[in-house]
Amino acid sequence: MELTAFTDYSLRVLMYLAREEGIQSSIDELANYYGVSRHHIAKITGHLAKAGYLKNSRGKNGGVSLAKRPEEINLAEVIRCTEPHFNLVECFSGEPNGCLLNNCCRLKGILFGARAQFFQHLEQYTIADAVVGNWPDKQLQGQPA
């Protein structure tokens, strides 16, 4: 199982903004910090804002900031919100598929259980739990770490 880059950077954006209470960042700052396109970060922050995790402010000193306290942002909820699906195998989608093992396979049930445990584990943690220690400053100026 692998999270999409969209989900990965969504979590990173939330972590970046959670490192200090009340911090606000521009799309350009986030894109430069992580070395990804401005367009990709704008898409992510738009999605996170629509989901209620970020708030946007426009103008000269505008940017994005957390709409909730880091302790209120559950990791499982963010991942469910940002991942298009968690179809670990073809038959998870519920759509007709070409698997010859559909009538004799128990793998689907086993993987369903594993996916449930994955989310059950993540439900115990928040963005605040994911942010610890000193934040690397070098990248704040656009320099590699």
C-alpha atoms as a PDB file:
ATOM      1  CA  MET A   1       0.000   0.000   0.000  1.00  0.00           C
ATOM      2  CA  GLU A   2       1.273   3.442  -0.852  1.00  0.00           C
ATOM      3  CA  LEU A   3      -0.217   6.856  -0.188  1.00  0.00           C
ATOM      4  CA  THR A   4      -0.515   9.173  -3.166  1.00  0.00           C
ATOM      5  CA  ALA A   5       1.821  12.158  -3.420  1.00  0.00           C
ATOM      6  CA  PHE A   6      -1.277  14.314  -2.907  1.00  0.00           C
ATOM      7  CA  THR A   7      -1.901  12.749   0.511  1.00  0.00           C
ATOM      8  CA  ASP A   8       1.791  12.787   1.417  1.00  0.00           C
ATOM      9  CA  TYR A   9       2.098  16.512   0.733  1.00  0.00           C
ATOM     10  CA  SER A  10      -1.264  17.221   2.353  1.00  0.00           C
ATOM     11  CA  LEU A  11       0.102  15.755   5.576  1.00  0.00           C
ATOM     12  CA  ARG A  12       3.367  17.670   5.138  1.00  0.00           C
ATOM     13  CA  VAL A  13       1.518  20.979   4.634  1.00  0.00           C
ATOM     14  CA  LEU A  14      -0.513  20.385   7.787  1.00  0.00           C
ATOM     15  CA  MET A  15       2.637  19.465   9.709  1.00  0.00           C
ATOM     16  CA  TYR A  16       4.447  22.569   8.443  1.00  0.00           C
ATOM     17  CA  LEU A  17       1.610  24.779   9.645  1.00  0.00           C
ATOM     18  CA  ALA A  18       1.344  22.898  12.952  1.00  0.00           C
ATOM     19  CA  ARG A  19       4.969  23.468  13.926  1.00  0.00           C
ATOM     20  CA  GLU A  20       4.115  26.809  15.538  1.00  0.00           C
ATOM     21  CA  GLU A  21       0.773  28.052  16.842  1.00  0.00           C
ATOM     22  CA  GLY A  22      -0.864  30.649  14.620  1.00  0.00           C
ATOM     23  CA  ILE A  23       1.633  30.300  11.771  1.00  0.00           C
ATOM     24  CA  GLN A  24       0.533  31.416   8.326  1.00  0.00           C
ATOM     25  CA  SER A  25       2.307  30.532   5.111  1.00  0.00           C
ATOM     26  CA  SER A  26       2.049  31.459   1.469  1.00  0.00           C
ATOM     27  CA  ILE A  27       1.606  28.897  -1.279  1.00  0.00           C
ATOM     28  CA  ASP A  28       5.017  29.939  -2.654  1.00  0.00           C
ATOM     29  CA  GLU A  29       6.698  29.380   0.715  1.00  0.00           C
ATOM     30  CA  LEU A  30       5.242  25.887   0.997  1.00  0.00           C
ATOM     31  CA  ALA A  31       6.128  25.015  -2.608  1.00  0.00           C
ATOM     32  CA  ASN A  32       9.702  26.236  -2.147  1.00  0.00           C
ATOM     33  CA  TYR A  33      10.105  24.493   1.175  1.00  0.00           C
ATOM     34  CA  TYR A  34       9.083  21.117  -0.191  1.00  0.00           C
ATOM     35  CA  GLY A  35      10.466  21.596  -3.692  1.00  0.00           C
ATOM     36  CA  VAL A  36       7.188  20.911  -5.477  1.00  0.00           C
ATOM     37  CA  SER A  37       5.191  22.975  -7.947  1.00  0.00           C
ATOM     38  CA  ARG A  38       3.151  25.926  -6.778  1.00  0.00           C
ATOM     39  CA  HIS A  39       0.191  24.484  -8.691  1.00  0.00           C
ATOM     40  CA  HIS A  40       0.373  21.204  -6.753  1.00  0.00           C
ATOM     41  CA  ILE A  41       0.507  23.003  -3.380  1.00  0.00           C
ATOM     42  CA  ALA A  42      -2.356  25.303  -4.409  1.00  0.00           C
ATOM     43  CA  LYS A  43      -4.468  22.268  -5.301  1.00  0.00           C
ATOM     44  CA  ILE A  44      -3.643  20.631  -1.963  1.00  0.00           C
ATOM     45  CA  THR A  45      -4.343  23.721   0.131  1.00  0.00           C
ATOM     46  CA  GLY A  46      -7.598  24.301  -1.739  1.00  0.00           C
ATOM     47  CA  HIS A  47      -8.709  20.747  -0.981  1.00  0.00           C
ATOM     48  CA  LEU A  48      -7.661  21.010   2.683  1.00  0.00           C
ATOM     49  CA  ALA A  49      -9.467  24.342   3.022  1.00  0.00           C
ATOM     50  CA  LYS A  50     -12.635  22.916   1.488  1.00  0.00           C
ATOM     51  CA  ALA A  51     -12.407  20.014   3.959  1.00  0.00           C
ATOM     52  CA  GLY A  52     -12.128  22.463   6.879  1.00  0.00           C
ATOM     53  CA  TYR A  53      -8.487  21.849   7.819  1.00  0.00           C
ATOM     54  CA  LEU A  54      -7.106  25.154   6.489  1.00  0.00           C
ATOM     55  CA  LYS A  55      -8.291  28.718   6.210  1.00  0.00           C
ATOM     56  CA  ASN A  56      -7.223  31.091   3.464  1.00  0.00           C
ATOM     57  CA  SER A  57      -6.635  34.796   3.741  1.00  0.00           C
ATOM     58  CA  ARG A  58      -6.151  36.969   0.705  1.00  0.00           C
ATOM     59  CA  GLY A  59      -4.177  40.121   0.201  1.00  0.00           C
ATOM     60  CA  LYS A  60      -0.625  41.329   0.652  1.00  0.00           C
ATOM     61  CA  ASN A  61      -0.094  39.414   3.898  1.00  0.00           C
ATOM     62  CA  GLY A  62      -2.386  36.551   2.943  1.00  0.00           C
ATOM     63  CA  GLY A  63      -1.737  32.849   3.048  1.00  0.00           C
ATOM     64  CA  VAL A  64      -2.976  29.650   4.594  1.00  0.00           C
ATOM     65  CA  SER A  65      -3.144  28.627   8.215  1.00  0.00           C
ATOM     66  CA  LEU A  66      -4.688  25.810  10.210  1.00  0.00           C
ATOM     67  CA  ALA A  67      -8.425  26.116  10.719  1.00  0.00           C
ATOM     68  CA  LYS A  68      -8.229  23.748  13.700  1.00  0.00           C
ATOM     69  CA  ARG A  69      -5.742  23.116  16.447  1.00  0.00           C
ATOM     70  CA  PRO A  70      -3.182  20.427  15.484  1.00  0.00           C
ATOM     71  CA  GLU A  71      -4.585  18.226  18.276  1.00  0.00           C
ATOM     72  CA  GLU A  72      -7.964  18.279  16.512  1.00  0.00           C
ATOM     73  CA  ILE A  73      -6.692  17.078  13.123  1.00  0.00           C
ATOM     74  CA  ASN A  74      -6.876  13.301  13.058  1.00  0.00           C
ATOM     75  CA  LEU A  75      -4.453  11.506  10.726  1.00  0.00           C
ATOM     76  CA  ALA A  76      -6.957   8.849   9.647  1.00  0.00           C
ATOM     77  CA  GLU A  77      -9.527  11.503   8.739  1.00  0.00           C
ATOM     78  CA  VAL A  78      -7.022  13.479   6.667  1.00  0.00           C
ATOM     79  CA  ILE A  79      -5.942  10.377   4.782  1.00  0.00           C
ATOM     80  CA  ARG A  80      -9.538   9.324   4.114  1.00  0.00           C
ATOM     81  CA  CYS A  81     -10.221  12.849   2.871  1.00  0.00           C
ATOM     82  CA  THR A  82      -7.239  13.009   0.515  1.00  0.00           C
ATOM     83  CA  GLU A  83      -6.943   9.477  -0.875  1.00  0.00           C
ATOM     84  CA  PRO A  84      -9.160   8.753  -3.874  1.00  0.00           C
ATOM     85  CA  HIS A  85      -9.819   5.195  -2.637  1.00  0.00           C
ATOM     86  CA  PHE A  86      -8.198   2.386  -0.730  1.00  0.00           C
ATOM     87  CA  ASN A  87      -8.825  -0.371  -3.218  1.00  0.00           C
ATOM     88  CA  LEU A  88      -5.860  -2.553  -2.343  1.00  0.00           C
ATOM     89  CA  VAL A  89      -6.839  -5.083  -4.998  1.00  0.00           C
ATOM     90  CA  GLU A  90      -9.076  -4.984  -8.058  1.00  0.00           C
ATOM     91  CA  CYS A  91     -12.113  -6.550  -6.370  1.00  0.00           C
ATOM     92  CA  PHE A  92     -12.329  -3.878  -3.638  1.00  0.00           C
ATOM     93  CA  SER A  93     -14.011  -1.392  -5.962  1.00  0.00           C
ATOM     94  CA  GLY A  94     -17.255  -3.357  -6.217  1.00  0.00           C
ATOM     95  CA  GLU A  95     -17.117  -2.975  -9.994  1.00  0.00           C
ATOM     96  CA  PRO A  96     -17.143  -6.047 -12.197  1.00  0.00           C
ATOM     97  CA  ASN A  97     -13.593  -7.251 -12.734  1.00  0.00           C
ATOM     98  CA  GLY A  98     -11.704  -9.932 -14.564  1.00  0.00           C
ATOM     99  CA  CYS A  99     -10.294 -11.808 -11.595  1.00  0.00           C
ATOM    100  CA  LEU A 100     -10.755 -15.541 -12.065  1.00  0.00           C
ATOM    101  CA  LEU A 101     -10.563 -16.124  -8.309  1.00  0.00           C
ATOM    102  CA  ASN A 102     -13.633 -14.070  -7.308  1.00  0.00           C
ATOM    103  CA  ASN A 103     -15.685 -17.126  -6.282  1.00  0.00           C
ATOM    104  CA  CYS A 104     -12.970 -18.925  -4.329  1.00  0.00           C
ATOM    105  CA  CYS A 105     -10.796 -16.151  -2.893  1.00  0.00           C
ATOM    106  CA  ARG A 106     -10.543 -15.162   0.767  1.00  0.00           C
ATOM    107  CA  LEU A 107      -7.780 -12.616   0.192  1.00  0.00           C
ATOM    108  CA  LYS A 108     -10.289  -9.773  -0.111  1.00  0.00           C
ATOM    109  CA  GLY A 109     -11.546 -10.343   3.441  1.00  0.00           C
ATOM    110  CA  ILE A 110      -8.021 -10.578   4.813  1.00  0.00           C
ATOM    111  CA  LEU A 111      -7.034  -7.319   3.121  1.00  0.00           C
ATOM    112  CA  PHE A 112     -10.235  -5.625   4.299  1.00  0.00           C
ATOM    113  CA  GLY A 113      -9.207  -6.503   7.847  1.00  0.00           C
ATOM    114  CA  ALA A 114      -5.685  -5.171   7.319  1.00  0.00           C
ATOM    115  CA  ARG A 115      -7.038  -1.908   5.911  1.00  0.00           C
ATOM    116  CA  ALA A 116      -9.380  -1.560   8.889  1.00  0.00           C
ATOM    117  CA  GLN A 117      -6.483  -2.044  11.315  1.00  0.00           C
ATOM    118  CA  PHE A 118      -4.413   0.513   9.392  1.00  0.00           C
ATOM    119  CA  PHE A 119      -7.100   3.158   9.903  1.00  0.00           C
ATOM    120  CA  GLN A 120      -7.821   2.045  13.471  1.00  0.00           C
ATOM    121  CA  HIS A 121      -4.162   2.649  14.297  1.00  0.00           C
ATOM    122  CA  LEU A 122      -4.091   6.058  12.574  1.00  0.00           C
ATOM    123  CA  GLU A 123      -7.260   7.159  14.394  1.00  0.00           C
ATOM    124  CA  GLN A 124      -5.192   7.294  17.594  1.00  0.00           C
ATOM    125  CA  TYR A 125      -2.965  10.089  16.250  1.00  0.00           C
ATOM    126  CA  THR A 126      -3.219  13.725  15.261  1.00  0.00           C
ATOM    127  CA  ILE A 127      -1.056  16.136  13.313  1.00  0.00           C
ATOM    128  CA  ALA A 128       0.264  17.341  16.686  1.00  0.00           C
ATOM    129  CA  ASP A 129       1.598  13.827  17.335  1.00  0.00           C
ATOM    130  CA  ALA A 130       3.458  13.904  14.019  1.00  0.00           C
ATOM    131  CA  VAL A 131       5.339  17.168  14.667  1.00  0.00           C
ATOM    132  CA  VAL A 132       8.222  16.926  17.112  1.00  0.00           C
ATOM    133  CA  GLY A 133      11.664  18.404  17.606  1.00  0.00           C
ATOM    134  CA  ASN A 134      13.376  21.211  15.805  1.00  0.00           C
ATOM    135  CA  TRP A 135      12.088  22.084  12.363  1.00  0.00           C
ATOM    136  CA  PRO A 136      14.784  22.294   9.647  1.00  0.00           C
ATOM    137  CA  ASP A 137      15.315  26.010   8.925  1.00  0.00           C
ATOM    138  CA  LYS A 138      17.593  25.736   5.896  1.00  0.00           C
ATOM    139  CA  GLN A 139      14.755  24.883   3.566  1.00  0.00           C
ATOM    140  CA  LEU A 140      12.811  27.917   4.757  1.00  0.00           C
ATOM    141  CA  GLN A 141      15.171  30.012   2.623  1.00  0.00           C
ATOM    142  CA  GLY A 142      14.769  27.614  -0.302  1.00  0.00           C
ATOM    143  CA  GLN A 143      18.089  25.873   0.344  1.00  0.00           C
ATOM    144  CA  PRO A 144      18.409  22.097   0.349  1.00  0.00           C
ATOM    145  CA  ALA A 145      18.580  20.507   3.769  1.00  0.00           C
END
